[in-house]
Amino acid sequence: MAWIALVAAGLCEVLGVLALKSITTYRNWLSYVFFVAAYGSSFSLLMLAMSDISMGTAYAVWTGIGAVGSTLLGMFAFGEPKDWRRGFFIALIIVSAVGLKWAT
């Protein structure tokens, strides 16, 4: 259950980054509500996950999901460069997160 909460927290972090993009583009109140809801959910789920997963592992996986998700979102939804080197380092982040899960 804790790992499901952790993955959900990471996905909510990606939604929070999307909300930040929305705030910089539109600057309306709905973007701010989306931002607060996304990060509020993300932190709440992270806190829930930390009840069973060590702080270092949970935080590393949470930020890894956020970094990978945000980078992929930028590449595929906002036209950021799709260079093979970016894909390589994204893969390293994923392998690191899986390694942390495996090691705990």
C-alpha atoms as a PDB file:
ATOM      1  CA  MET A   1       0.000   0.000   0.000  1.00  0.00           C
ATOM      2  CA  ALA A   2       2.831   2.398   0.836  1.00  0.00           C
ATOM      3  CA  TRP A   3       4.441   1.922  -2.585  1.00  0.00           C
ATOM      4  CA  ILE A   4       1.122   2.608  -4.311  1.00  0.00           C
ATOM      5  CA  ALA A   5       0.783   5.799  -2.280  1.00  0.00           C
ATOM      6  CA  LEU A   6       4.350   6.755  -3.191  1.00  0.00           C
ATOM      7  CA  VAL A   7       3.776   6.281  -6.924  1.00  0.00           C
ATOM      8  CA  ALA A   8       0.526   8.251  -6.665  1.00  0.00           C
ATOM      9  CA  ALA A   9       2.407  11.009  -4.813  1.00  0.00           C
ATOM     10  CA  GLY A  10       4.945  11.165  -7.634  1.00  0.00           C
ATOM     11  CA  LEU A  11       2.200  11.374 -10.238  1.00  0.00           C
ATOM     12  CA  CYS A  12       0.548  14.169  -8.270  1.00  0.00           C
ATOM     13  CA  GLU A  13       3.894  15.965  -8.280  1.00  0.00           C
ATOM     14  CA  VAL A  14       3.893  15.786 -12.077  1.00  0.00           C
ATOM     15  CA  LEU A  15       0.390  17.287 -12.032  1.00  0.00           C
ATOM     16  CA  GLY A  16       1.772  20.024  -9.786  1.00  0.00           C
ATOM     17  CA  VAL A  17       4.440  20.836 -12.357  1.00  0.00           C
ATOM     18  CA  LEU A  18       1.734  20.927 -15.018  1.00  0.00           C
ATOM     19  CA  ALA A  19      -0.153  23.350 -12.782  1.00  0.00           C
ATOM     20  CA  LEU A  20       2.955  25.541 -12.533  1.00  0.00           C
ATOM     21  CA  LYS A  21       3.106  25.642 -16.323  1.00  0.00           C
ATOM     22  CA  SER A  22      -0.569  26.559 -16.366  1.00  0.00           C
ATOM     23  CA  ILE A  23       0.025  29.372 -13.869  1.00  0.00           C
ATOM     24  CA  THR A  24       2.823  30.849 -15.991  1.00  0.00           C
ATOM     25  CA  THR A  25       0.667  30.603 -19.126  1.00  0.00           C
ATOM     26  CA  TYR A  26      -2.829  31.601 -18.003  1.00  0.00           C
ATOM     27  CA  ARG A  27      -2.533  33.172 -14.518  1.00  0.00           C
ATOM     28  CA  ASN A  28      -6.134  32.460 -13.559  1.00  0.00           C
ATOM     29  CA  TRP A  29      -7.512  31.322 -10.225  1.00  0.00           C
ATOM     30  CA  LEU A  30      -8.281  27.819 -11.509  1.00  0.00           C
ATOM     31  CA  SER A  31      -4.578  27.246 -12.191  1.00  0.00           C
ATOM     32  CA  TYR A  32      -3.778  28.165  -8.593  1.00  0.00           C
ATOM     33  CA  VAL A  33      -6.474  25.820  -7.264  1.00  0.00           C
ATOM     34  CA  PHE A  34      -5.079  23.030  -9.450  1.00  0.00           C
ATOM     35  CA  PHE A  35      -1.585  23.773  -8.115  1.00  0.00           C
ATOM     36  CA  VAL A  36      -2.630  23.651  -4.453  1.00  0.00           C
ATOM     37  CA  ALA A  37      -4.698  20.492  -4.966  1.00  0.00           C
ATOM     38  CA  ALA A  38      -1.925  18.684  -6.853  1.00  0.00           C
ATOM     39  CA  TYR A  39       0.856  19.483  -4.407  1.00  0.00           C
ATOM     40  CA  GLY A  40      -1.417  19.047  -1.380  1.00  0.00           C
ATOM     41  CA  SER A  41      -2.289  15.576  -2.617  1.00  0.00           C
ATOM     42  CA  SER A  42       1.332  14.844  -3.439  1.00  0.00           C
ATOM     43  CA  PHE A  43       2.624  15.787   0.010  1.00  0.00           C
ATOM     44  CA  SER A  44      -0.230  13.968   1.764  1.00  0.00           C
ATOM     45  CA  LEU A  45       0.433  10.770  -0.161  1.00  0.00           C
ATOM     46  CA  LEU A  46       4.182  11.121   0.413  1.00  0.00           C
ATOM     47  CA  MET A  47       3.553  11.453   4.132  1.00  0.00           C
ATOM     48  CA  LEU A  48       1.378   8.336   4.042  1.00  0.00           C
ATOM     49  CA  ALA A  49       4.066   6.407   2.158  1.00  0.00           C
ATOM     50  CA  MET A  50       6.727   7.463   4.667  1.00  0.00           C
ATOM     51  CA  SER A  51       4.877   5.606   7.400  1.00  0.00           C
ATOM     52  CA  ASP A  52       6.210   2.327   5.924  1.00  0.00           C
ATOM     53  CA  ILE A  53       9.054   3.363   3.610  1.00  0.00           C
ATOM     54  CA  SER A  54      12.253   4.984   4.860  1.00  0.00           C
ATOM     55  CA  MET A  55      12.488   8.727   4.379  1.00  0.00           C
ATOM     56  CA  GLY A  56      15.507   8.621   2.070  1.00  0.00           C
ATOM     57  CA  THR A  57      14.044   5.974  -0.213  1.00  0.00           C
ATOM     58  CA  ALA A  58      10.591   7.563  -0.320  1.00  0.00           C
ATOM     59  CA  TYR A  59      11.948  11.012  -1.091  1.00  0.00           C
ATOM     60  CA  ALA A  60      14.345   9.750  -3.764  1.00  0.00           C
ATOM     61  CA  VAL A  61      11.637   7.746  -5.520  1.00  0.00           C
ATOM     62  CA  TRP A  62       9.134  10.616  -5.216  1.00  0.00           C
ATOM     63  CA  THR A  63      11.513  13.143  -6.758  1.00  0.00           C
ATOM     64  CA  GLY A  64      12.562  10.595  -9.387  1.00  0.00           C
ATOM     65  CA  ILE A  65       8.975  10.045 -10.497  1.00  0.00           C
ATOM     66  CA  GLY A  66       8.470  13.801 -10.555  1.00  0.00           C
ATOM     67  CA  ALA A  67      11.638  14.429 -12.558  1.00  0.00           C
ATOM     68  CA  VAL A  68      10.975  11.673 -15.098  1.00  0.00           C
ATOM     69  CA  GLY A  69       7.296  12.523 -15.442  1.00  0.00           C
ATOM     70  CA  SER A  70       7.929  16.238 -15.801  1.00  0.00           C
ATOM     71  CA  THR A  71      10.671  15.704 -18.356  1.00  0.00           C
ATOM     72  CA  LEU A  72       8.516  13.334 -20.411  1.00  0.00           C
ATOM     73  CA  LEU A  73       5.587  15.744 -20.174  1.00  0.00           C
ATOM     74  CA  GLY A  74       7.786  18.547 -21.432  1.00  0.00           C
ATOM     75  CA  MET A  75       9.133  16.433 -24.268  1.00  0.00           C
ATOM     76  CA  PHE A  76       5.822  15.061 -25.519  1.00  0.00           C
ATOM     77  CA  ALA A  77       3.291  17.748 -24.592  1.00  0.00           C
ATOM     78  CA  PHE A  78       5.316  20.950 -24.836  1.00  0.00           C
ATOM     79  CA  GLY A  79       7.779  20.243 -27.617  1.00  0.00           C
ATOM     80  CA  GLU A  80      10.997  20.136 -25.606  1.00  0.00           C
ATOM     81  CA  PRO A  81      13.965  18.407 -27.291  1.00  0.00           C
ATOM     82  CA  LYS A  82      13.855  14.603 -27.553  1.00  0.00           C
ATOM     83  CA  ASP A  83      17.568  13.871 -27.544  1.00  0.00           C
ATOM     84  CA  TRP A  84      18.874  10.333 -26.940  1.00  0.00           C
ATOM     85  CA  ARG A  85      20.989  11.623 -24.053  1.00  0.00           C
ATOM     86  CA  ARG A  86      17.881  12.809 -22.241  1.00  0.00           C
ATOM     87  CA  GLY A  87      16.355   9.365 -22.692  1.00  0.00           C
ATOM     88  CA  PHE A  88      19.513   7.738 -21.360  1.00  0.00           C
ATOM     89  CA  PHE A  89      19.519   9.814 -18.182  1.00  0.00           C
ATOM     90  CA  ILE A  90      15.786   9.323 -17.696  1.00  0.00           C
ATOM     91  CA  ALA A  91      16.470   5.585 -17.863  1.00  0.00           C
ATOM     92  CA  LEU A  92      19.175   5.975 -15.211  1.00  0.00           C
ATOM     93  CA  ILE A  93      16.697   7.690 -12.881  1.00  0.00           C
ATOM     94  CA  ILE A  94      14.197   4.872 -13.404  1.00  0.00           C
ATOM     95  CA  VAL A  95      16.837   2.200 -12.809  1.00  0.00           C
ATOM     96  CA  SER A  96      17.905   4.006  -9.631  1.00  0.00           C
ATOM     97  CA  ALA A  97      14.328   4.118  -8.309  1.00  0.00           C
ATOM     98  CA  VAL A  98      13.857   0.413  -9.057  1.00  0.00           C
ATOM     99  CA  GLY A  99      17.176  -0.287  -7.327  1.00  0.00           C
ATOM    100  CA  LEU A 100      16.019   1.544  -4.226  1.00  0.00           C
ATOM    101  CA  LYS A 101      12.805  -0.498  -4.201  1.00  0.00           C
ATOM    102  CA  TRP A 102      14.811  -3.690  -4.645  1.00  0.00           C
ATOM    103  CA  ALA A 103      17.245  -2.769  -1.863  1.00  0.00           C
ATOM    104  CA  THR A 104      14.546  -2.120   0.748  1.00  0.00           C
END
